Amino acid sequence: MSRLGKLPIKIPAGVTVKFDNKKFICQGPKGELSLTPHKLINVVVEGDEIKVSPKDMEAKGASAFWGLTWSLVRNIVIGVHEGFVRKLEINGVGYRAVVAGDKINMSLGYSHPIEFALPVGVTASVAANVITLESANKGLLGETAAKIRKLRKPEPYKGKGVKYAEEVIRRKAGKAAAKTK
């Protein structure tokens, strides 16, 4: 049984929720997102709350889809109301990024500059060496941040590369430290 799935999801002021042909649609100040729930799950709007429940608890996978659907619906409601933010840090001599429209131009130590096109629904800003990504869609935001990080993963010796702001890089000593032992 899903412990989170039992909890109702509050609909904040300024957010409208509706169902259209088995599709959950949520509109708010940050945009509009939709979700088609799994066939084993019921999503019901009662007043200012959304309740998620399985149609048949005995069906295989119903409990897993119950918790997943609850989490997806909650992320949609939070996303259209407040939005999500993800920060990436660029570390390294000569490493920099500049936002130009819907693209991020980066210099990450390669022989060529990298131009990363942002997907629709994701906005970016750069301040010093920090890239700030914002979106109403949490999944798309995380995927975009992972793709940017993948362009130059942080290395363990000097810590150069692109990393998440909250990420901690485990540093290695290198050759000089090995010779002293």
Protein backbone atom coordinates (compact mmCIF):
# COMPACT_ATOMS: atom_id res chain seq x y z
CA MET A 1 0.00 0.00 0.00
CA SER A 2 1.17 3.47 -0.82
CA ARG A 3 1.64 5.67 2.24
CA LEU A 4 1.89 8.85 0.17
CA GLY A 5 -0.92 7.83 -2.18
CA LYS A 6 -3.37 7.94 0.72
CA LEU A 7 -2.70 11.64 1.32
CA PRO A 8 -4.83 14.21 -0.53
CA ILE A 9 -3.08 16.82 -2.69
CA LYS A 10 -4.15 20.42 -1.95
CA ILE A 11 -4.95 22.60 -4.97
CA PRO A 12 -3.42 26.06 -4.36
CA ALA A 13 -5.26 29.28 -5.21
CA GLY A 14 -4.83 30.26 -8.85
CA VAL A 15 -4.56 26.68 -10.11
CA THR A 16 -7.39 25.02 -12.06
CA VAL A 17 -7.68 21.27 -12.48
CA LYS A 18 -9.92 19.39 -14.94
CA PHE A 19 -10.30 16.03 -16.65
CA ASP A 20 -10.73 15.72 -20.41
CA ASN A 21 -10.98 12.27 -22.05
CA LYS A 22 -9.19 10.49 -19.16
CA LYS A 23 -6.51 13.18 -19.16
CA PHE A 24 -5.59 15.17 -16.04
CA ILE A 25 -5.01 18.83 -17.04
CA CYS A 26 -3.64 21.42 -14.63
CA GLN A 27 -3.33 25.15 -15.38
CA GLY A 28 -1.61 27.78 -13.29
CA PRO A 29 0.49 30.94 -13.42
CA LYS A 30 3.60 29.03 -14.61
CA GLY A 31 1.85 27.19 -17.48
CA GLU A 32 -0.22 24.14 -18.28
CA LEU A 33 0.73 20.48 -17.80
CA SER A 34 -1.20 17.27 -18.38
CA LEU A 35 -0.99 13.61 -17.41
CA THR A 36 -2.79 10.48 -18.52
CA PRO A 37 -3.05 8.29 -15.39
CA HIS A 38 -2.45 4.54 -15.58
CA LYS A 39 -5.55 2.44 -16.22
CA LEU A 40 -5.35 0.92 -12.71
CA ILE A 41 -5.53 4.32 -10.96
CA ASN A 42 -8.41 6.73 -10.21
CA VAL A 43 -7.72 10.45 -9.90
CA VAL A 44 -10.64 12.41 -8.41
CA VAL A 45 -11.02 16.12 -7.65
CA GLU A 46 -13.07 16.82 -4.52
CA GLY A 47 -13.36 20.50 -3.67
CA ASP A 48 -9.85 21.89 -3.33
CA GLU A 49 -8.19 18.46 -3.04
CA ILE A 50 -7.08 15.79 -5.48
CA LYS A 51 -7.38 12.19 -4.32
CA VAL A 52 -5.52 9.33 -5.99
CA SER A 53 -6.59 5.73 -5.40
CA PRO A 54 -6.24 2.34 -7.10
CA LYS A 55 -9.28 0.92 -8.92
CA ASP A 56 -8.44 -2.63 -7.83
CA MET A 57 -5.89 -3.07 -5.02
CA GLU A 58 -5.47 -6.77 -5.88
CA ALA A 59 -4.25 -6.03 -9.41
CA LYS A 60 -0.55 -6.57 -10.01
CA GLY A 61 1.37 -3.29 -9.82
CA ALA A 62 -1.59 -1.24 -8.55
CA SER A 63 0.25 -0.19 -5.39
CA ALA A 64 3.35 0.90 -7.30
CA PHE A 65 1.35 2.90 -9.85
CA TRP A 66 -0.67 4.43 -7.01
CA GLY A 67 2.40 6.06 -5.43
CA LEU A 68 3.89 6.99 -8.81
CA THR A 69 0.70 8.67 -10.01
CA TRP A 70 0.34 10.57 -6.73
CA SER A 71 3.90 11.86 -7.07
CA LEU A 72 3.43 12.86 -10.73
CA VAL A 73 0.15 14.68 -9.99
CA ARG A 74 1.73 16.48 -7.02
CA ASN A 75 4.72 17.57 -9.14
CA ILE A 76 2.35 18.90 -11.82
CA VAL A 77 0.36 20.93 -9.28
CA ILE A 78 3.53 22.35 -7.68
CA GLY A 79 5.09 22.99 -11.10
CA VAL A 80 2.23 25.08 -12.52
CA HIS A 81 1.92 27.02 -9.25
CA GLU A 82 5.55 27.65 -8.18
CA GLY A 83 7.79 26.01 -10.79
CA PHE A 84 11.06 24.17 -10.22
CA VAL A 85 14.65 25.44 -10.22
CA ARG A 86 17.89 23.55 -10.83
CA LYS A 87 21.36 25.13 -10.53
CA LEU A 88 24.55 23.95 -12.20
CA GLU A 89 28.06 25.22 -11.41
CA ILE A 90 30.83 25.51 -13.98
CA ASN A 91 34.34 25.06 -12.53
CA GLY A 92 37.56 25.43 -14.50
CA VAL A 93 39.90 28.03 -15.95
CA GLY A 94 38.32 29.52 -19.07
CA TYR A 95 35.05 27.62 -18.61
CA ARG A 96 32.07 29.93 -19.15
CA ALA A 97 28.46 30.02 -20.33
CA VAL A 98 26.29 32.69 -21.95
CA VAL A 99 22.54 32.53 -22.62
CA ALA A 100 21.52 33.68 -26.10
CA GLY A 101 17.75 33.41 -26.58
CA ASP A 102 16.78 29.76 -26.22
CA LYS A 103 20.38 28.50 -26.40
CA ILE A 104 23.28 28.30 -23.99
CA ASN A 105 26.72 28.91 -25.51
CA MET A 106 29.39 27.22 -23.42
CA SER A 107 33.16 27.08 -23.49
CA LEU A 108 34.12 23.94 -21.55
CA GLY A 109 37.78 23.38 -22.42
CA TYR A 110 37.20 21.69 -25.78
CA SER A 111 38.68 22.99 -29.04
CA HIS A 112 35.22 24.26 -30.02
CA PRO A 113 32.37 26.10 -28.28
CA ILE A 114 29.26 24.10 -27.41
CA GLU A 115 25.81 25.41 -28.27
CA PHE A 116 23.07 23.74 -26.22
CA ALA A 117 19.48 24.30 -27.37
CA LEU A 118 17.02 24.53 -24.48
CA PRO A 119 13.80 22.53 -24.85
CA VAL A 120 10.44 24.33 -24.94
CA GLY A 121 9.33 25.07 -21.38
CA VAL A 122 12.81 25.47 -19.87
CA THR A 123 14.40 28.88 -19.32
CA ALA A 124 17.99 29.57 -18.31
CA SER A 125 20.04 32.38 -16.84
CA VAL A 126 23.74 32.61 -16.07
CA ALA A 127 25.29 34.57 -13.20
CA ALA A 128 29.08 34.28 -12.76
CA ASN A 129 29.71 30.53 -13.04
CA VAL A 130 26.19 29.32 -12.12
CA ILE A 131 23.59 28.24 -14.68
CA THR A 132 20.04 28.49 -13.29
CA LEU A 133 17.40 26.43 -15.09
CA GLU A 134 13.68 26.99 -14.44
CA SER A 135 10.63 25.05 -15.60
CA ALA A 136 7.15 23.95 -14.56
CA ASN A 137 7.88 20.38 -15.69
CA LYS A 138 10.14 18.70 -13.12
CA GLY A 139 11.02 15.72 -15.33
CA LEU A 140 12.01 17.89 -18.30
CA LEU A 141 14.05 20.16 -16.02
CA GLY A 142 16.01 17.24 -14.54
CA GLU A 143 16.63 15.73 -17.96
CA THR A 144 17.90 19.06 -19.33
CA ALA A 145 20.21 19.57 -16.34
CA ALA A 146 21.59 16.04 -16.78
CA LYS A 147 22.29 16.65 -20.48
CA ILE A 148 24.18 19.88 -19.69
CA ARG A 149 26.19 18.13 -16.95
CA LYS A 150 27.02 15.31 -19.37
CA LEU A 151 28.77 17.78 -21.72
CA ARG A 152 31.70 17.97 -19.26
CA LYS A 153 31.34 15.84 -16.14
CA PRO A 154 33.36 17.00 -13.12
CA GLU A 155 36.66 15.19 -12.81
CA PRO A 156 37.96 14.02 -9.40
CA TYR A 157 41.49 15.52 -9.48
CA LYS A 158 40.92 19.25 -9.92
CA GLY A 159 37.11 19.32 -9.84
CA LYS A 160 36.84 20.91 -13.29
CA GLY A 161 33.60 20.50 -15.21
CA VAL A 162 29.87 21.05 -14.83
CA LYS A 163 28.24 19.86 -11.61
CA TYR A 164 24.97 20.32 -9.76
CA ALA A 165 25.15 23.09 -7.15
CA GLU A 166 24.44 20.69 -4.26
CA GLU A 167 26.70 17.92 -5.61
CA VAL A 168 29.89 17.07 -3.71
CA ILE A 169 32.80 15.84 -5.79
CA ARG A 170 35.02 13.26 -4.10
CA ARG A 171 38.54 14.45 -4.76
CA LYS A 172 41.50 12.15 -5.44
CA ALA A 173 45.08 12.93 -4.42
CA GLY A 174 46.83 12.32 -7.76
CA LYS A 175 50.36 11.17 -8.59
CA ALA A 176 52.29 13.52 -6.29
CA ALA A 177 50.54 12.18 -3.18
CA ALA A 178 51.21 8.58 -4.22
CA LYS A 179 55.00 9.19 -4.39
CA THR A 180 55.23 10.51 -0.83
CA LYS A 181 54.00 7.29 0.74
